[in-house]
Protein backbone atom coordinates (compact mmCIF):
# COMPACT_ATOMS: atom_id res chain seq x y z
CA MET A 1 -6.19 -12.23 4.95
CA ALA A 2 -3.83 -14.65 6.77
CA GLN A 3 -3.37 -13.66 10.70
CA PRO A 4 0.15 -12.47 11.57
CA ALA A 5 2.63 -15.40 12.93
CA PRO A 6 4.86 -14.92 16.11
CA SER A 7 7.92 -13.76 15.26
CA SER A 8 11.44 -14.16 17.21
CA ALA A 9 13.19 -11.69 19.10
CA GLN A 10 15.50 -10.80 16.04
CA ALA A 11 12.75 -10.66 13.56
CA PRO A 12 13.60 -11.70 9.76
CA THR A 13 13.20 -9.40 6.90
CA PRO A 14 9.33 -8.57 6.78
CA ARG A 15 6.87 -10.03 4.59
CA HIS A 16 4.96 -7.21 3.73
CA VAL A 17 6.13 -3.70 3.82
CA ALA A 18 3.39 -0.87 3.36
CA ILE A 19 4.51 2.87 2.71
CA ILE A 20 2.72 5.89 2.72
CA MET A 21 4.36 8.09 0.06
CA ASP A 22 4.42 11.73 1.49
CA GLY A 23 6.62 14.91 0.80
CA ASN A 24 6.75 15.13 -2.63
CA GLY A 25 5.06 18.60 -2.29
CA ARG A 26 7.39 19.53 0.27
CA TRP A 27 10.29 18.56 -1.63
CA ALA A 28 8.98 20.26 -4.92
CA ARG A 29 8.65 23.53 -2.82
CA GLN A 30 12.34 23.44 -1.52
CA ARG A 31 13.47 23.50 -4.95
CA ASN A 32 11.32 26.33 -6.33
CA ARG A 33 9.45 23.92 -8.55
CA PRO A 34 5.77 23.16 -9.01
CA ARG A 35 4.05 20.26 -6.83
CA THR A 36 3.75 18.30 -10.27
CA PHE A 37 7.76 18.20 -10.50
CA GLY A 38 7.68 16.51 -6.94
CA HIS A 39 5.10 13.80 -7.79
CA ALA A 40 7.46 13.12 -10.78
CA GLU A 41 10.22 12.51 -8.57
CA GLY A 42 7.91 10.47 -6.55
CA VAL A 43 7.57 7.85 -9.39
CA GLU A 44 11.25 7.58 -9.82
CA ALA A 45 11.33 7.10 -5.87
CA LEU A 46 8.62 4.32 -6.39
CA ARG A 47 10.97 2.61 -9.09
CA ARG A 48 13.81 2.54 -6.85
CA THR A 49 11.74 1.22 -4.03
CA VAL A 50 10.21 -1.58 -6.03
CA GLU A 51 13.45 -2.81 -7.15
CA ALA A 52 14.82 -2.60 -3.55
CA ALA A 53 12.29 -4.30 -2.22
CA GLY A 54 12.45 -7.32 -4.38
CA GLU A 55 16.30 -7.44 -3.55
CA ALA A 56 15.53 -7.11 0.05
CA GLY A 57 13.56 -10.31 -0.32
CA VAL A 58 10.12 -8.46 0.68
CA GLU A 59 7.37 -10.52 -0.72
CA TYR A 60 4.65 -7.66 -0.58
CA LEU A 61 4.61 -4.10 -1.23
CA THR A 62 1.69 -1.83 -0.79
CA VAL A 63 1.84 1.95 -1.25
CA PHE A 64 -0.54 4.73 -1.04
CA GLY A 65 -0.65 6.21 -4.24
CA PHE A 66 -4.08 8.33 -4.31
CA SER A 67 -6.62 8.76 -1.62
CA THR A 68 -10.33 9.15 -1.33
CA GLU A 69 -9.53 12.76 -0.19
CA ASN A 70 -7.10 13.76 -3.02
CA TRP A 71 -9.78 14.51 -5.20
CA ARG A 72 -9.92 17.83 -3.16
CA ARG A 73 -6.82 18.91 -4.51
CA PRO A 74 -6.49 21.63 -7.73
CA ALA A 75 -8.03 19.53 -10.82
CA GLU A 76 -4.64 20.23 -12.18
CA GLU A 77 -2.92 18.33 -9.53
CA VAL A 78 -5.13 15.45 -9.62
CA ASN A 79 -5.00 14.91 -13.18
CA ALA A 80 -1.22 15.04 -12.93
CA LEU A 81 -1.12 12.53 -10.75
CA PHE A 82 -3.48 10.39 -13.37
CA ASP A 83 -0.88 11.32 -15.76
CA LEU A 84 1.60 9.65 -13.85
CA LEU A 85 0.10 6.56 -13.08
CA ARG A 86 -0.39 6.21 -17.05
CA LEU A 87 3.36 6.94 -17.82
CA TYR A 88 4.64 4.64 -14.69
CA VAL A 89 2.44 1.96 -16.29
CA ALA A 90 3.61 2.49 -19.87
CA ARG A 91 6.96 2.45 -18.75
CA ASP A 92 7.50 -0.19 -16.29
CA LEU A 93 4.54 -2.71 -17.18
CA ASP A 94 6.84 -4.83 -19.50
CA LYS A 95 9.87 -4.82 -16.96
CA LEU A 96 7.34 -5.79 -14.11
CA VAL A 97 6.09 -8.68 -16.20
CA ARG A 98 9.63 -9.97 -16.97
CA GLU A 99 10.67 -9.72 -13.28
CA GLY A 100 7.86 -11.64 -11.61
CA VAL A 101 6.22 -8.51 -9.88
CA ARG A 102 2.54 -8.93 -9.48
CA VAL A 103 0.64 -5.91 -9.77
CA ARG A 104 -2.74 -4.99 -8.02
CA VAL A 105 -4.83 -2.04 -7.16
CA ILE A 106 -6.90 -1.71 -4.39
CA GLY A 107 -9.74 1.32 -3.65
CA GLY A 108 -12.67 2.27 -5.50
CA ARG A 109 -13.07 2.50 -9.24
CA GLU A 110 -15.97 4.46 -9.18
CA GLY A 111 -15.28 7.93 -10.73
CA LEU A 112 -12.09 7.04 -12.16
CA GLN A 113 -11.35 7.91 -16.34
CA ARG A 114 -12.36 5.15 -18.40
CA ASP A 115 -8.50 4.80 -19.61
CA ILE A 116 -7.13 4.58 -16.11
CA ALA A 117 -9.65 1.91 -15.26
CA ASP A 118 -8.40 0.10 -18.45
CA ILE A 119 -4.92 0.82 -17.57
CA ILE A 120 -5.23 -0.90 -13.77
CA GLY A 121 -6.91 -4.03 -15.52
CA ASN A 122 -4.48 -4.30 -17.91
CA ALA A 123 -1.74 -4.01 -15.67
CA GLU A 124 -3.56 -6.49 -13.07
CA ALA A 125 -4.46 -9.19 -15.98
CA ARG A 126 -0.81 -9.18 -17.45
CA THR A 127 1.10 -9.93 -14.21
CA ARG A 128 -1.49 -12.00 -12.65
CA GLU A 129 0.55 -15.38 -12.73
CA ASN A 130 3.84 -13.23 -11.24
CA ALA A 131 4.88 -14.22 -7.56
CA LYS A 132 8.43 -12.99 -7.04
CA LEU A 133 7.02 -9.76 -5.47
CA ASN A 134 3.25 -8.52 -5.27
CA LEU A 135 3.15 -4.61 -5.78
CA THR A 136 -0.45 -3.37 -4.47
CA ILE A 137 -1.00 0.29 -5.26
CA ALA A 138 -3.84 2.04 -3.19
CA PHE A 139 -5.39 4.20 -5.85
CA ASN A 140 -8.71 6.19 -5.00
CA TYR A 141 -8.35 4.49 -1.84
CA GLY A 142 -9.11 5.45 1.68
CA GLY A 143 -9.09 2.86 4.61
CA GLN A 144 -12.65 4.11 6.00
CA ASP A 145 -14.30 4.13 2.73
CA GLU A 146 -12.72 0.51 2.37
CA ILE A 147 -14.61 -0.73 5.48
CA ALA A 148 -17.63 0.93 4.84
CA ARG A 149 -17.75 -0.71 1.46
CA ALA A 150 -16.97 -4.10 3.18
CA ALA A 151 -19.70 -3.37 5.77
CA ARG A 152 -22.34 -2.81 2.97
CA ARG A 153 -21.14 -5.84 0.99
CA VAL A 154 -21.66 -8.17 4.45
CA ALA A 155 -24.94 -6.30 4.99
CA GLU A 156 -26.20 -7.26 1.16
CA ASP A 157 -24.98 -10.66 1.48
CA VAL A 158 -27.14 -11.14 4.76
CA SER A 159 -29.98 -9.54 3.60
CA SER A 160 -29.79 -12.09 0.63
CA GLY A 161 -29.49 -15.11 3.00
CA LYS A 162 -25.83 -15.76 1.64
CA LEU A 163 -24.55 -14.89 4.98
CA ASN A 164 -25.86 -15.50 8.67
CA ALA A 165 -25.37 -12.50 10.90
CA SER A 166 -24.41 -14.99 13.53
CA ASP A 167 -21.21 -16.24 11.44
CA ILE A 168 -19.52 -12.52 10.89
CA ASP A 169 -16.54 -12.25 13.08
CA ALA A 170 -13.21 -10.40 11.87
CA LYS A 171 -11.73 -13.15 10.06
CA VAL A 172 -15.20 -13.69 7.93
CA PHE A 173 -15.27 -9.55 7.71
CA GLU A 174 -11.99 -9.15 6.30
CA THR A 175 -12.53 -11.52 3.18
CA TYR A 176 -14.69 -8.42 2.25
CA LEU A 177 -11.94 -6.28 2.20
CA ASP A 178 -10.09 -4.91 -0.73
CA THR A 179 -6.96 -6.94 0.50
CA ASP A 180 -8.75 -10.14 1.30
CA ASP A 181 -5.70 -12.47 -0.40
CA LEU A 182 -3.00 -10.59 1.02
CA PRO A 183 -1.29 -10.75 4.24
CA PRO A 184 -1.39 -7.84 6.86
CA PRO A 185 1.50 -5.69 6.68
CA ASP A 186 4.16 -6.49 9.25
CA VAL A 187 5.45 -2.65 8.85
CA LEU A 188 4.06 0.54 7.81
CA VAL A 189 6.29 3.37 6.94
CA ARG A 190 5.46 6.72 6.42
CA THR A 191 7.88 9.39 5.18
CA SER A 192 8.39 13.04 5.50
CA GLY A 193 8.71 13.09 9.26
CA GLU A 194 4.81 13.46 9.73
CA PHE A 195 3.05 10.81 12.14
CA ARG A 196 -0.04 10.06 11.08
CA LEU A 197 -1.71 6.84 9.10
CA SER A 198 -3.68 9.17 7.11
CA ASN A 199 -6.64 6.77 6.65
CA PHE A 200 -4.43 3.85 5.34
CA MET A 201 -4.83 0.52 5.68
CA LEU A 202 -6.58 0.78 9.05
CA TRP A 203 -7.81 -2.75 9.58
CA GLN A 204 -4.95 -4.20 8.17
CA SER A 205 -2.39 -2.32 10.50
CA ALA A 206 -4.07 -3.68 13.67
CA TYR A 207 -0.16 -5.50 14.72
CA ALA A 208 1.98 -3.46 11.99
CA GLU A 209 5.08 -2.03 13.65
CA LEU A 210 4.77 1.85 12.40
CA VAL A 211 8.03 3.43 11.27
CA PHE A 212 8.30 7.19 10.55
CA LEU A 213 11.01 8.47 8.54
CA ASP A 214 12.17 12.06 8.29
CA VAL A 215 12.81 11.55 4.57
CA LEU A 216 10.62 13.09 1.90
CA TRP A 217 9.31 10.46 -0.38
CA PRO A 218 11.00 11.62 -3.80
CA ASP A 219 14.32 11.14 -1.68
CA PHE A 220 13.36 7.43 -0.84
CA GLY A 221 15.12 4.35 -1.80
CA LYS A 222 17.12 1.34 -1.05
CA ASP A 223 19.16 2.72 1.96
CA ALA A 224 15.71 4.01 3.67
CA LEU A 225 13.94 0.75 3.09
CA ALA A 226 16.90 -1.07 4.31
CA LEU A 227 16.99 1.66 7.29
CA ALA A 228 12.98 0.91 7.88
CA ILE A 229 13.40 -3.08 7.95
CA ASP A 230 16.08 -2.62 10.41
CA VAL A 231 14.01 -0.44 12.69
CA TYR A 232 11.44 -3.27 12.06
CA ARG A 233 14.03 -5.91 12.98
CA ARG A 234 14.42 -4.19 16.44
CA ARG A 235 11.12 -4.19 17.55
CA ASP A 236 9.82 -6.86 19.89
CA ARG A 237 6.43 -8.14 18.47
CA ARG A 238 4.36 -9.65 21.25
CA TYR A 239 0.53 -9.61 19.39
CA GLY A 240 -0.84 -8.64 22.90
CA GLY A 241 1.24 -11.46 24.32
CA THR A 242 3.72 -10.67 27.18
CA THR A 243 6.85 -12.00 25.00
CA SER A 244 7.46 -12.15 21.35
CA GLU A 245 7.31 -16.00 21.79
CA SER A 246 3.22 -15.70 22.43
CA ALA A 247 0.72 -14.25 20.12
């Protein structure tokens, strides 16, 4: 994972935007509809946001689709979330291929239904050569789980002699993360007015600008993304230095 570079006082469009898509349930409740209706509208918001990100010049878009903690939700809702992933890929994969969007899915594959794992593998394979926009979906993902899985792999490689313990540093460790071929997010956006990271990209967001928007995810789209980017551009990114010119 590439290290962040210093920016100017007026930052350009962020290269990598990460989004915690929150508020589907509340959006549905406000309309006296079931939570699954909110999730369905959330898929429409994702479609709008992918298109808007490409138009804005964002190179990498990472979204939090299904967390390791979401397994605690009622089975009906979990199954509905899986159905929406099936629907999104079935409806949009051909378009994503045509428009140069590369799809990656990060997170544990254990416990996923066989057809879901096949859908993920097919989407990744069909879009592997695309480069206009890199869309990463965090699915069955948790930041702590990711770090624990990476630590386990490091321990295994040290035990087998593939890696010397003395060679382990932050740069080496991050090559064991799910995001080893992605740059760190420049800005992490959370919708719905909540002020939490909720176990999302904990390692990668060390120097991300955090933007919290009081908009429920199903209402998110081009204007909300533009607002988040504008907030990012107004930040003075110092990376531990005293000015934006030092990193």
